[in-house]
Each structure stands twice: as structure tokens, then as C-alpha cells.
Amino acid sequence: MQIARGLLGKHRRPSLHSLRMVWKIMGPLQACSLLLVIVSLPQGRTSSVITVNGRTENYVLDTPSGVEASLECAVQNHTSDEELLWYRGDGIVDLKTGNQINSSSVCVSPIREDDDGVRFTCKLQSNQSVSVSVVLNVTFPPILSGDDFQTAEEDSDVSLVCNVKSNPQAQMEWHKDNSVLVLEKGRHQIQETSESLQLSITKVKKSDNGTYSCIASSTLKVETMDFHLVVTDKVPAVPVEAIIAACVVVFLTLGFGLLARRKRIMKLCMKEKNKNSETALFDQGLRNCIATQATEGACPDEKVEPLPDT
């Protein structure tokens, strides 16, 4: 097969003389198989490849935060103009006119901590299986955050959570009042992940008052964040059940009292009703009297004194 390739040349139609030589050297069966392969070869075409910053394979770009990174994608072995596409993660990058044909570049400025792990991919528009990806490995010192002031009652539970972002990953530890924290079995528990360091204290005491320091150490820098814990006196618990029971007793007593005196209460109500009726009748009689006086001069039961002689 290597001899046949040399005789036929690369990507060229075989001549009659070449075919005869191949027939004599390889035999009829192999010569026919070779002819089928040659006929199936594309004529006058080469495969285009792309490079990013001169590299044809996927790679990781190590870079510190705060700087600028430039990625240049170029088409190699192209016989006609090729359009290029850039992706950031799964989203397409909006390229300016003139920054798409045969070569294209994107600039990340400034690189931030949130860019760590972001993938940039350059693809051929005509054949998107042809691509090269670059993953950013952004290095930065530890960044700490959390609730730095907490209060807790005696005998309650409390947790101090120190959040951390760092690349490379930092080594974490807790100090108390500028000394290494001495863990008390059964009361202190530490939970650590790549993103946080948590200190849990069960049934806090007044002796737990103080400043707790979260210390993160990486090859780039050592960072510290202070957390202040104030333990207050325990507030006596309100006896809710006793209060509810007392209210029930009061309401029942009032209910039974009203029930026992219902006849007397009804009599008082009737008496008051009769009194109101008498008052209403008196008022009506008085109004009638006034009306009669207006028409006749005096009320029937009213005594009229004679005027003295002049």
C-alpha cells in the first residue's frame, strides 16, 4: 500500500501507466480495492484546522486575577474564507465586524475571581465540531466573609460560619482571643468544606464570650476575619401551659357564675325594661299635656290660679 501511495501521489488522479504498475505489483484484488479508495477521496480539498494562541488542542490558561487575557483564534490550511465563532460557556460571544473571518480574538479584562473555571471555545461556523477550548484557572488570595457579630443566651446553641473563596485552596483554622482554639469534646464541633469553615458550640457558657478568628492560609497570602460572640444571661422561660390553664379556669368560673345567677339577672333585666316603659309612658303623657295646653290653655289635671282683681 505504501508503494501504491508513492506511485499514485497524494490526492491526484492515477495515470494509466501508474495503474498498470500497481496491477503488476499488488495483484488484481488489492488493486481494485485501492482504486475504490482513490475514487472516494475528495479532490482539491484540504481539512481546515484552528488554533488558539498557537495551540491546536484544548488547554488550561493559568492567570492571576486583575490582569488582562487575550485569546486569538486562527484558521490554518483553509482554501477559502472561514467564519469563526466564540463561546463563553454555553453562550455565544458577540463579535465585531472584521473580527470573524479567518482570525478572531477575544479579550478578558480585567480577569476576576468569578472567571475561575470559565471555558472559552473557538469554533468553525461551517463545521462546529472543529474547535479549541481554553479554561481559565484564575489564582487569587483568600476572600473571607460571614456574620461577624452574634449574641446567644446561656445554654443555647450557636454556629460561626466563615465563608472562603481561594485559588489555590486555603488551609483553614479557628483561633480564640489570639490563641489556638482548644476544642471541648461534646461542645465544640468544626465542619470544613472547600467554601466554608463552621464552628458549632453546644450549650454556650459565659466563658465562650470573646473574639473568634477565622484564619485562611494559601501560598499567595494569609487572611484573617474576626467573629465576635456575646453570651447573655438566660431569660426565664415563660410557663405558657400554666397561663393557658389559668385562663381556662377563669373563663369557666365566670361561665358557671353567670349560669347560677341567671334568674336574678333576668329579673333585673325585666325590672329595667318595665322602668324604661314607665318612663316612656310618662314622657308620652307629658307631650300630650303640652299639646293640649297649646290648644286649650291648660292640662286637665293642672290647677289654674285666678288672676287678682285690678
C-alpha atoms as a PDB file:
ATOM      1  CA  MET A   1       0.000   0.000   0.000  1.00  0.00           C
ATOM      2  CA  GLN A   2       2.882   2.398   0.755  1.00  0.00           C
ATOM      3  CA  ILE A   3       4.358   1.695  -2.711  1.00  0.00           C
ATOM      4  CA  ALA A   4       0.990   2.389  -4.320  1.00  0.00           C
ATOM      5  CA  ARG A   5       0.695   5.703  -2.491  1.00  0.00           C
ATOM      6  CA  GLY A   6       4.106   6.734  -3.753  1.00  0.00           C
ATOM      7  CA  LEU A   7       3.252   5.791  -7.318  1.00  0.00           C
ATOM      8  CA  LEU A   8      -0.129   7.476  -7.306  1.00  0.00           C
ATOM      9  CA  GLY A   9       0.834  10.622  -5.445  1.00  0.00           C
ATOM     10  CA  LYS A  10      -1.283  12.471  -2.874  1.00  0.00           C
ATOM     11  CA  HIS A  11      -4.836  13.492  -3.866  1.00  0.00           C
ATOM     12  CA  ARG A  12      -4.200  13.038  -7.619  1.00  0.00           C
ATOM     13  CA  ARG A  13      -5.968  11.008 -10.303  1.00  0.00           C
ATOM     14  CA  PRO A  14      -3.886   7.920 -11.212  1.00  0.00           C
ATOM     15  CA  SER A  15      -2.406   7.734 -14.727  1.00  0.00           C
ATOM     16  CA  LEU A  16      -2.740   4.650 -16.916  1.00  0.00           C
ATOM     17  CA  HIS A  17       0.963   3.842 -16.502  1.00  0.00           C
ATOM     18  CA  SER A  18       0.646   4.065 -12.730  1.00  0.00           C
ATOM     19  CA  LEU A  19      -2.359   1.746 -12.708  1.00  0.00           C
ATOM     20  CA  ARG A  20      -0.506  -0.861 -14.747  1.00  0.00           C
ATOM     21  CA  MET A  21       2.433  -0.800 -12.335  1.00  0.00           C
ATOM     22  CA  VAL A  22       0.123  -1.130  -9.333  1.00  0.00           C
ATOM     23  CA  TRP A  23      -1.694  -4.023 -11.047  1.00  0.00           C
ATOM     24  CA  LYS A  24       1.598  -5.897 -11.546  1.00  0.00           C
ATOM     25  CA  ILE A  25       2.898  -5.215  -8.037  1.00  0.00           C
ATOM     26  CA  MET A  26      -0.258  -5.714  -5.887  1.00  0.00           C
ATOM     27  CA  GLY A  27      -2.370  -8.067  -7.915  1.00  0.00           C
ATOM     28  CA  PRO A  28      -5.927  -7.622  -9.244  1.00  0.00           C
ATOM     29  CA  LEU A  29      -7.868  -7.858  -5.938  1.00  0.00           C
ATOM     30  CA  GLN A  30      -5.799  -5.361  -3.971  1.00  0.00           C
ATOM     31  CA  ALA A  31      -5.548  -3.035  -6.979  1.00  0.00           C
ATOM     32  CA  CYS A  32      -9.353  -2.874  -7.250  1.00  0.00           C
ATOM     33  CA  SER A  33      -9.671  -2.085  -3.526  1.00  0.00           C
ATOM     34  CA  LEU A  34      -7.130   0.697  -3.866  1.00  0.00           C
ATOM     35  CA  LEU A  35      -8.985   2.194  -6.842  1.00  0.00           C
ATOM     36  CA  LEU A  36     -12.191   2.362  -4.799  1.00  0.00           C
ATOM     37  CA  VAL A  37     -10.357   4.247  -2.037  1.00  0.00           C
ATOM     38  CA  ILE A  38      -8.792   6.669  -4.512  1.00  0.00           C
ATOM     39  CA  VAL A  39     -12.112   7.418  -6.220  1.00  0.00           C
ATOM     40  CA  SER A  40     -13.711   8.209  -2.841  1.00  0.00           C
ATOM     41  CA  LEU A  41     -11.018  10.755  -1.944  1.00  0.00           C
ATOM     42  CA  PRO A  42     -12.122  14.436  -2.152  1.00  0.00           C
ATOM     43  CA  GLN A  43     -10.415  16.280  -4.961  1.00  0.00           C
ATOM     44  CA  GLY A  44      -8.734  19.646  -4.469  1.00  0.00           C
ATOM     45  CA  ARG A  45      -9.728  19.947  -0.753  1.00  0.00           C
ATOM     46  CA  THR A  46      -7.762  20.023   2.474  1.00  0.00           C
ATOM     47  CA  SER A  47      -9.093  19.914   6.071  1.00  0.00           C
ATOM     48  CA  SER A  48      -9.084  23.244   7.914  1.00  0.00           C
ATOM     49  CA  VAL A  49      -7.826  23.333  11.500  1.00  0.00           C
ATOM     50  CA  ILE A  50      -7.941  26.119  14.051  1.00  0.00           C
ATOM     51  CA  THR A  51      -5.516  27.234  16.742  1.00  0.00           C
ATOM     52  CA  VAL A  52      -5.946  29.349  19.856  1.00  0.00           C
ATOM     53  CA  ASN A  53      -2.807  31.220  20.835  1.00  0.00           C
ATOM     54  CA  GLY A  54      -0.942  28.826  18.537  1.00  0.00           C
ATOM     55  CA  ARG A  55      -2.271  25.626  20.133  1.00  0.00           C
ATOM     56  CA  THR A  56      -4.448  23.093  18.330  1.00  0.00           C
ATOM     57  CA  GLU A  57      -5.711  21.213  21.407  1.00  0.00           C
ATOM     58  CA  ASN A  58      -7.755  22.180  24.450  1.00  0.00           C
ATOM     59  CA  TYR A  59      -5.733  23.592  27.325  1.00  0.00           C
ATOM     60  CA  VAL A  60      -5.866  25.411  30.681  1.00  0.00           C
ATOM     61  CA  LEU A  61      -4.660  29.005  30.943  1.00  0.00           C
ATOM     62  CA  ASP A  62      -3.173  29.874  34.347  1.00  0.00           C
ATOM     63  CA  THR A  63      -3.583  33.563  35.155  1.00  0.00           C
ATOM     64  CA  PRO A  64      -3.798  35.771  38.251  1.00  0.00           C
ATOM     65  CA  SER A  65      -6.819  37.970  38.884  1.00  0.00           C
ATOM     66  CA  GLY A  66      -6.723  41.628  37.934  1.00  0.00           C
ATOM     67  CA  VAL A  67      -4.798  41.212  34.681  1.00  0.00           C
ATOM     68  CA  GLU A  68      -5.827  41.041  31.024  1.00  0.00           C
ATOM     69  CA  ALA A  69      -6.001  37.847  28.964  1.00  0.00           C
ATOM     70  CA  SER A  70      -6.128  37.819  25.156  1.00  0.00           C
ATOM     71  CA  LEU A  71      -7.225  34.735  23.203  1.00  0.00           C
ATOM     72  CA  GLU A  72      -6.537  34.664  19.445  1.00  0.00           C
ATOM     73  CA  CYS A  73      -8.158  32.057  17.214  1.00  0.00           C
ATOM     74  CA  ALA A  74      -6.861  31.450  13.653  1.00  0.00           C
ATOM     75  CA  VAL A  75      -7.775  29.112  10.779  1.00  0.00           C
ATOM     76  CA  GLN A  76      -4.999  27.005   9.250  1.00  0.00           C
ATOM     77  CA  ASN A  77      -4.965  25.160   5.881  1.00  0.00           C
ATOM     78  CA  HIS A  78      -8.043  26.932   4.566  1.00  0.00           C
ATOM     79  CA  THR A  79      -8.689  27.265   0.834  1.00  0.00           C
ATOM     80  CA  SER A  80     -11.476  29.822   1.276  1.00  0.00           C
ATOM     81  CA  ASP A  81     -12.572  32.304   3.924  1.00  0.00           C
ATOM     82  CA  GLU A  82     -13.866  30.696   7.108  1.00  0.00           C
ATOM     83  CA  GLU A  83     -16.097  32.378   9.691  1.00  0.00           C
ATOM     84  CA  LEU A  84     -15.205  31.837  13.336  1.00  0.00           C
ATOM     85  CA  LEU A  85     -17.453  31.720  16.422  1.00  0.00           C
ATOM     86  CA  TRP A  86     -16.517  32.316  20.067  1.00  0.00           C
ATOM     87  CA  TYR A  87     -18.411  30.867  23.043  1.00  0.00           C
ATOM     88  CA  ARG A  88     -18.138  31.750  26.744  1.00  0.00           C
ATOM     89  CA  GLY A  89     -19.505  28.674  28.459  1.00  0.00           C
ATOM     90  CA  ASP A  90     -22.703  27.875  26.525  1.00  0.00           C
ATOM     91  CA  GLY A  91     -23.337  31.474  25.443  1.00  0.00           C
ATOM     92  CA  ILE A  92     -22.120  32.896  22.141  1.00  0.00           C
ATOM     93  CA  VAL A  93     -19.832  35.945  22.238  1.00  0.00           C
ATOM     94  CA  ASP A  94     -20.927  38.973  20.202  1.00  0.00           C
ATOM     95  CA  LEU A  95     -18.023  39.721  17.808  1.00  0.00           C
ATOM     96  CA  LYS A  96     -17.492  42.969  15.918  1.00  0.00           C
ATOM     97  CA  THR A  97     -17.475  43.062  12.132  1.00  0.00           C
ATOM     98  CA  GLY A  98     -13.983  42.241  10.849  1.00  0.00           C
ATOM     99  CA  ASN A  99     -13.227  40.059  13.860  1.00  0.00           C
ATOM    100  CA  GLN A 100     -14.806  36.904  12.466  1.00  0.00           C
ATOM    101  CA  ILE A 101     -13.142  35.836   9.186  1.00  0.00           C
ATOM    102  CA  ASN A 102     -10.104  33.508   9.306  1.00  0.00           C
ATOM    103  CA  SER A 103      -8.866  35.011  12.589  1.00  0.00           C
ATOM    104  CA  SER A 104     -10.671  36.291  15.670  1.00  0.00           C
ATOM    105  CA  SER A 105      -9.681  37.371  19.152  1.00  0.00           C
ATOM    106  CA  VAL A 106     -11.413  37.984  22.473  1.00  0.00           C
ATOM    107  CA  CYS A 107     -10.047  39.933  25.407  1.00  0.00           C
ATOM    108  CA  VAL A 108     -10.946  39.363  29.071  1.00  0.00           C
ATOM    109  CA  SER A 109     -10.104  42.487  31.058  1.00  0.00           C
ATOM    110  CA  PRO A 110      -9.736  42.548  33.934  1.00  0.00           C
ATOM    111  CA  ILE A 111      -9.851  38.907  34.925  1.00  0.00           C
ATOM    112  CA  ARG A 112     -11.907  38.488  38.109  1.00  0.00           C
ATOM    113  CA  GLU A 113     -12.188  35.763  40.720  1.00  0.00           C
ATOM    114  CA  ASP A 114     -15.585  34.790  39.250  1.00  0.00           C
ATOM    115  CA  ASP A 115     -13.861  33.965  35.926  1.00  0.00           C
ATOM    116  CA  ASP A 116     -12.135  30.976  37.522  1.00  0.00           C
ATOM    117  CA  GLY A 117     -13.181  27.824  35.661  1.00  0.00           C
ATOM    118  CA  VAL A 118     -14.825  29.693  32.758  1.00  0.00           C
ATOM    119  CA  ARG A 119     -14.421  27.978  29.374  1.00  0.00           C
ATOM    120  CA  PHE A 120     -13.857  29.915  26.117  1.00  0.00           C
ATOM    121  CA  THR A 121     -14.298  27.948  22.877  1.00  0.00           C
ATOM    122  CA  CYS A 122     -13.486  28.929  19.279  1.00  0.00           C
ATOM    123  CA  LYS A 123     -15.361  27.054  16.521  1.00  0.00           C
ATOM    124  CA  LEU A 124     -15.621  26.979  12.743  1.00  0.00           C
ATOM    125  CA  GLN A 125     -19.028  28.252  11.710  1.00  0.00           C
ATOM    126  CA  SER A 126     -19.111  25.808   8.777  1.00  0.00           C
ATOM    127  CA  ASN A 127     -18.165  22.800  10.928  1.00  0.00           C
ATOM    128  CA  GLN A 128     -18.603  23.375  14.645  1.00  0.00           C
ATOM    129  CA  SER A 129     -17.020  20.041  15.514  1.00  0.00           C
ATOM    130  CA  VAL A 130     -13.714  21.754  14.685  1.00  0.00           C
ATOM    131  CA  SER A 131     -12.982  23.675  17.871  1.00  0.00           C
ATOM    132  CA  VAL A 132     -10.412  24.524  20.546  1.00  0.00           C
ATOM    133  CA  SER A 133     -11.326  25.346  24.161  1.00  0.00           C
ATOM    134  CA  VAL A 134      -9.438  27.295  26.812  1.00  0.00           C
ATOM    135  CA  VAL A 135     -10.337  27.041  30.524  1.00  0.00           C
ATOM    136  CA  LEU A 136      -9.258  29.914  32.789  1.00  0.00           C
ATOM    137  CA  ASN A 137      -7.522  28.930  36.015  1.00  0.00           C
ATOM    138  CA  VAL A 138      -7.644  32.217  37.936  1.00  0.00           C
ATOM    139  CA  THR A 139      -5.432  32.362  41.029  1.00  0.00           C
ATOM    140  CA  PHE A 140      -6.262  34.762  43.875  1.00  0.00           C
ATOM    141  CA  PRO A 141      -5.671  35.050  47.649  1.00  0.00           C
ATOM    142  CA  PRO A 142      -8.352  34.046  50.204  1.00  0.00           C
ATOM    143  CA  ILE A 143     -11.525  36.168  50.386  1.00  0.00           C
ATOM    144  CA  LEU A 144     -13.423  35.773  53.701  1.00  0.00           C
ATOM    145  CA  SER A 145     -16.992  36.714  54.633  1.00  0.00           C
ATOM    146  CA  GLY A 146     -19.664  35.927  57.236  1.00  0.00           C
ATOM    147  CA  ASP A 147     -21.783  37.254  60.146  1.00  0.00           C
ATOM    148  CA  ASP A 148     -19.081  38.798  62.326  1.00  0.00           C
ATOM    149  CA  PHE A 149     -21.241  39.648  65.389  1.00  0.00           C
ATOM    150  CA  GLN A 150     -23.586  37.263  67.177  1.00  0.00           C
ATOM    151  CA  THR A 151     -25.338  37.097  70.550  1.00  0.00           C
ATOM    152  CA  ALA A 152     -26.548  33.941  72.274  1.00  0.00           C
ATOM    153  CA  GLU A 153     -28.217  33.108  75.589  1.00  0.00           C
ATOM    154  CA  GLU A 154     -26.588  30.757  78.029  1.00  0.00           C
ATOM    155  CA  ASP A 155     -27.324  27.073  77.335  1.00  0.00           C
ATOM    156  CA  SER A 156     -28.330  27.804  73.718  1.00  0.00           C
ATOM    157  CA  ASP A 157     -26.510  26.582  70.588  1.00  0.00           C
ATOM    158  CA  VAL A 158     -24.620  28.865  68.198  1.00  0.00           C
ATOM    159  CA  SER A 159     -22.697  28.475  64.920  1.00  0.00           C
ATOM    160  CA  LEU A 160     -19.988  30.729  63.485  1.00  0.00           C
ATOM    161  CA  VAL A 161     -19.664  30.309  59.696  1.00  0.00           C
ATOM    162  CA  CYS A 162     -16.606  31.646  57.871  1.00  0.00           C
ATOM    163  CA  ASN A 163     -17.099  31.651  54.074  1.00  0.00           C
ATOM    164  CA  VAL A 164     -13.958  31.468  51.945  1.00  0.00           C
ATOM    165  CA  LYS A 165     -13.057  31.758  48.265  1.00  0.00           C
ATOM    166  CA  SER A 166      -9.481  30.997  47.305  1.00  0.00           C
ATOM    167  CA  ASN A 167      -7.418  29.557  44.461  1.00  0.00           C
ATOM    168  CA  PRO A 168      -5.296  27.682  45.327  1.00  0.00           C
ATOM    169  CA  GLN A 169      -7.419  26.320  48.179  1.00  0.00           C
ATOM    170  CA  ALA A 170      -6.520  27.732  51.586  1.00  0.00           C
ATOM    171  CA  GLN A 171      -5.828  25.925  54.843  1.00  0.00           C
ATOM    172  CA  MET A 172      -8.375  26.998  57.490  1.00  0.00           C
ATOM    173  CA  GLU A 173      -8.324  27.134  61.301  1.00  0.00           C
ATOM    174  CA  TRP A 174     -10.051  28.856  64.251  1.00  0.00           C
ATOM    175  CA  HIS A 175      -8.349  30.923  66.981  1.00  0.00           C
ATOM    176  CA  LYS A 176      -9.973  32.452  70.104  1.00  0.00           C
ATOM    177  CA  ASP A 177      -8.666  35.659  71.669  1.00  0.00           C
ATOM    178  CA  ASN A 178      -5.388  35.418  69.696  1.00  0.00           C
ATOM    179  CA  SER A 179      -4.718  31.811  70.738  1.00  0.00           C
ATOM    180  CA  VAL A 180      -5.361  28.466  69.089  1.00  0.00           C
ATOM    181  CA  LEU A 181      -8.906  27.390  69.943  1.00  0.00           C
ATOM    182  CA  VAL A 182      -8.976  24.488  72.385  1.00  0.00           C
ATOM    183  CA  LEU A 183     -11.864  22.230  71.381  1.00  0.00           C
ATOM    184  CA  GLU A 184     -14.012  20.888  74.204  1.00  0.00           C
ATOM    185  CA  LYS A 185     -15.313  17.419  73.456  1.00  0.00           C
ATOM    186  CA  GLY A 186     -19.075  17.262  73.220  1.00  0.00           C
ATOM    187  CA  ARG A 187     -19.492  21.058  72.938  1.00  0.00           C
ATOM    188  CA  HIS A 188     -17.260  22.176  70.047  1.00  0.00           C
ATOM    189  CA  GLN A 189     -17.541  20.834  66.513  1.00  0.00           C
ATOM    190  CA  ILE A 190     -15.761  22.030  63.328  1.00  0.00           C
ATOM    191  CA  GLN A 191     -17.051  21.360  59.806  1.00  0.00           C
ATOM    192  CA  GLU A 192     -14.869  22.313  56.835  1.00  0.00           C
ATOM    193  CA  THR A 193     -15.610  22.368  53.090  1.00  0.00           C
ATOM    194  CA  SER A 194     -13.848  23.974  50.144  1.00  0.00           C
ATOM    195  CA  GLU A 195     -16.095  27.023  50.614  1.00  0.00           C
ATOM    196  CA  SER A 196     -16.542  27.424  54.396  1.00  0.00           C
ATOM    197  CA  LEU A 197     -15.272  26.709  57.896  1.00  0.00           C
ATOM    198  CA  GLN A 198     -18.002  26.340  60.559  1.00  0.00           C
ATOM    199  CA  LEU A 199     -17.594  26.293  64.330  1.00  0.00           C
ATOM    200  CA  SER A 200     -20.609  24.952  66.264  1.00  0.00           C
ATOM    201  CA  ILE A 201     -20.858  25.410  70.061  1.00  0.00           C
ATOM    202  CA  THR A 202     -23.454  23.470  72.069  1.00  0.00           C
ATOM    203  CA  LYS A 203     -24.907  24.991  75.269  1.00  0.00           C
ATOM    204  CA  VAL A 204     -22.770  28.121  75.328  1.00  0.00           C
ATOM    205  CA  LYS A 205     -21.364  29.432  78.596  1.00  0.00           C
ATOM    206  CA  LYS A 206     -20.251  32.863  79.712  1.00  0.00           C
ATOM    207  CA  SER A 207     -16.689  31.631  79.218  1.00  0.00           C
ATOM    208  CA  ASP A 208     -17.447  31.310  75.482  1.00  0.00           C
ATOM    209  CA  ASN A 209     -17.579  35.113  75.245  1.00  0.00           C
ATOM    210  CA  GLY A 210     -14.813  36.508  73.072  1.00  0.00           C
ATOM    211  CA  THR A 211     -13.352  37.065  69.625  1.00  0.00           C
ATOM    212  CA  TYR A 212     -13.018  34.085  67.313  1.00  0.00           C
ATOM    213  CA  SER A 213     -10.611  34.481  64.383  1.00  0.00           C
ATOM    214  CA  CYS A 214     -11.020  32.606  61.110  1.00  0.00           C
ATOM    215  CA  ILE A 215      -7.561  32.240  59.554  1.00  0.00           C
ATOM    216  CA  ALA A 216      -7.099  31.209  55.899  1.00  0.00           C
ATOM    217  CA  SER A 217      -3.584  30.450  54.661  1.00  0.00           C
ATOM    218  CA  SER A 218      -2.672  29.946  50.996  1.00  0.00           C
ATOM    219  CA  THR A 219       0.568  30.098  49.028  1.00  0.00           C
ATOM    220  CA  LEU A 220      -0.410  33.630  47.972  1.00  0.00           C
ATOM    221  CA  LYS A 221      -1.452  35.233  51.278  1.00  0.00           C
ATOM    222  CA  VAL A 222      -2.777  34.738  54.818  1.00  0.00           C
ATOM    223  CA  GLU A 223      -6.142  36.375  55.555  1.00  0.00           C
ATOM    224  CA  THR A 224      -7.947  36.744  58.923  1.00  0.00           C
ATOM    225  CA  MET A 225     -11.550  37.649  59.811  1.00  0.00           C
ATOM    226  CA  ASP A 226     -12.762  38.208  63.387  1.00  0.00           C
ATOM    227  CA  PHE A 227     -16.122  36.979  64.708  1.00  0.00           C
ATOM    228  CA  HIS A 228     -17.439  38.445  67.992  1.00  0.00           C
ATOM    229  CA  LEU A 229     -19.624  36.274  70.244  1.00  0.00           C
ATOM    230  CA  VAL A 230     -21.542  37.773  73.189  1.00  0.00           C
ATOM    231  CA  VAL A 231     -23.203  35.360  75.643  1.00  0.00           C
ATOM    232  CA  THR A 232     -26.129  36.905  77.564  1.00  0.00           C
ATOM    233  CA  ASP A 233     -27.900  35.779  80.743  1.00  0.00           C
ATOM    234  CA  LYS A 234     -30.515  33.120  80.323  1.00  0.00           C
ATOM    235  CA  VAL A 235     -34.045  34.553  80.304  1.00  0.00           C
ATOM    236  CA  PRO A 236     -36.501  32.545  82.484  1.00  0.00           C
ATOM    237  CA  ALA A 237     -38.876  30.604  80.343  1.00  0.00           C
ATOM    238  CA  VAL A 238     -42.483  31.793  80.356  1.00  0.00           C
ATOM    239  CA  PRO A 239     -44.812  28.996  81.695  1.00  0.00           C
ATOM    240  CA  VAL A 240     -47.158  29.016  78.732  1.00  0.00           C
ATOM    241  CA  GLU A 241     -49.036  25.914  79.841  1.00  0.00           C
ATOM    242  CA  ALA A 242     -49.726  27.380  83.295  1.00  0.00           C
ATOM    243  CA  ILE A 243     -51.021  30.638  81.787  1.00  0.00           C
ATOM    244  CA  ILE A 244     -53.370  28.762  79.468  1.00  0.00           C
ATOM    245  CA  ALA A 245     -54.669  26.632  82.339  1.00  0.00           C
ATOM    246  CA  ALA A 246     -55.314  29.744  84.485  1.00  0.00           C
ATOM    247  CA  CYS A 247     -57.240  31.412  81.649  1.00  0.00           C
ATOM    248  CA  VAL A 248     -59.396  28.326  81.225  1.00  0.00           C
ATOM    249  CA  VAL A 249     -60.186  28.299  84.956  1.00  0.00           C
ATOM    250  CA  VAL A 250     -61.159  31.993  84.926  1.00  0.00           C
ATOM    251  CA  PHE A 251     -63.456  31.606  81.942  1.00  0.00           C
ATOM    252  CA  LEU A 252     -65.130  28.507  83.438  1.00  0.00           C
ATOM    253  CA  THR A 253     -65.653  30.280  86.785  1.00  0.00           C
ATOM    254  CA  LEU A 254     -67.268  33.252  85.051  1.00  0.00           C
ATOM    255  CA  GLY A 255     -69.445  30.941  82.989  1.00  0.00           C
ATOM    256  CA  PHE A 256     -70.684  28.958  85.996  1.00  0.00           C
ATOM    257  CA  GLY A 257     -71.248  32.174  87.972  1.00  0.00           C
ATOM    258  CA  LEU A 258     -73.397  33.665  85.234  1.00  0.00           C
ATOM    259  CA  LEU A 259     -75.325  30.418  84.901  1.00  0.00           C
ATOM    260  CA  ALA A 260     -76.038  30.248  88.665  1.00  0.00           C
ATOM    261  CA  ARG A 261     -77.354  33.838  88.769  1.00  0.00           C
ATOM    262  CA  ARG A 262     -79.298  33.744  85.540  1.00  0.00           C
ATOM    263  CA  LYS A 263     -82.735  34.138  87.251  1.00  0.00           C
ATOM    264  CA  ARG A 264     -81.628  37.197  89.209  1.00  0.00           C
ATOM    265  CA  ILE A 265     -80.050  38.694  86.134  1.00  0.00           C
ATOM    266  CA  MET A 266     -83.259  38.110  84.150  1.00  0.00           C
ATOM    267  CA  LYS A 267     -85.331  39.803  86.915  1.00  0.00           C
ATOM    268  CA  LEU A 268     -83.055  42.817  86.890  1.00  0.00           C
ATOM    269  CA  CYS A 269     -83.362  42.981  83.126  1.00  0.00           C
ATOM    270  CA  MET A 270     -87.178  42.809  83.322  1.00  0.00           C
ATOM    271  CA  LYS A 271     -87.254  45.464  86.040  1.00  0.00           C
ATOM    272  CA  GLU A 272     -85.125  47.736  83.986  1.00  0.00           C
ATOM    273  CA  LYS A 273     -87.373  47.106  80.986  1.00  0.00           C
ATOM    274  CA  ASN A 274     -90.521  47.997  82.981  1.00  0.00           C
ATOM    275  CA  LYS A 275     -88.858  51.113  84.303  1.00  0.00           C
ATOM    276  CA  ASN A 276     -87.997  52.166  80.797  1.00  0.00           C
ATOM    277  CA  SER A 277     -91.654  51.504  79.756  1.00  0.00           C
ATOM    278  CA  GLU A 278     -92.999  53.691  82.588  1.00  0.00           C
ATOM    279  CA  THR A 279     -90.611  56.437  81.690  1.00  0.00           C
ATOM    280  CA  ALA A 280     -91.716  56.204  78.096  1.00  0.00           C
ATOM    281  CA  LEU A 281     -95.431  56.447  79.118  1.00  0.00           C
ATOM    282  CA  PHE A 282     -94.702  59.442  81.322  1.00  0.00           C
ATOM    283  CA  ASP A 283     -92.865  61.146  78.518  1.00  0.00           C
ATOM    284  CA  GLN A 284     -95.780  60.443  76.180  1.00  0.00           C
ATOM    285  CA  GLY A 285     -98.294  61.848  78.680  1.00  0.00           C
ATOM    286  CA  LEU A 286     -96.235  64.938  79.167  1.00  0.00           C
ATOM    287  CA  ARG A 287     -96.071  65.531  75.438  1.00  0.00           C
ATOM    288  CA  ASN A 288     -99.861  65.079  75.177  1.00  0.00           C
ATOM    289  CA  CYS A 289    -100.349  67.566  78.008  1.00  0.00           C
ATOM    290  CA  ILE A 290     -98.174  70.125  76.338  1.00  0.00           C
ATOM    291  CA  ALA A 291    -100.107  69.708  73.120  1.00  0.00           C
ATOM    292  CA  THR A 292    -103.436  70.097  74.948  1.00  0.00           C
ATOM    293  CA  GLN A 293    -102.218  73.206  76.744  1.00  0.00           C
ATOM    294  CA  ALA A 294    -101.242  74.688  73.459  1.00  0.00           C
ATOM    295  CA  THR A 295    -104.801  74.250  72.134  1.00  0.00           C
ATOM    296  CA  GLU A 296    -106.995  74.654  75.290  1.00  0.00           C
ATOM    297  CA  GLY A 297    -104.821  76.618  77.618  1.00  0.00           C
ATOM    298  CA  ALA A 298    -104.142  74.111  80.389  1.00  0.00           C
ATOM    299  CA  CYS A 299    -103.661  70.438  81.107  1.00  0.00           C
ATOM    300  CA  PRO A 300    -106.700  68.548  82.577  1.00  0.00           C
ATOM    301  CA  ASP A 301    -105.084  67.842  85.924  1.00  0.00           C
ATOM    302  CA  GLU A 302    -103.374  71.207  86.223  1.00  0.00           C
ATOM    303  CA  LYS A 303    -104.762  73.786  88.634  1.00  0.00           C
ATOM    304  CA  VAL A 304    -105.152  77.298  87.232  1.00  0.00           C
ATOM    305  CA  GLU A 305    -104.961  80.173  89.752  1.00  0.00           C
ATOM    306  CA  PRO A 306    -107.337  83.134  89.006  1.00  0.00           C
ATOM    307  CA  LEU A 307    -105.760  86.424  88.256  1.00  0.00           C
ATOM    308  CA  PRO A 308    -106.033  89.042  91.004  1.00  0.00           C
ATOM    309  CA  ASP A 309    -108.541  91.919  90.529  1.00  0.00           C
ATOM    310  CA  THR A 310    -107.098  95.116  89.347  1.00  0.00           C
END
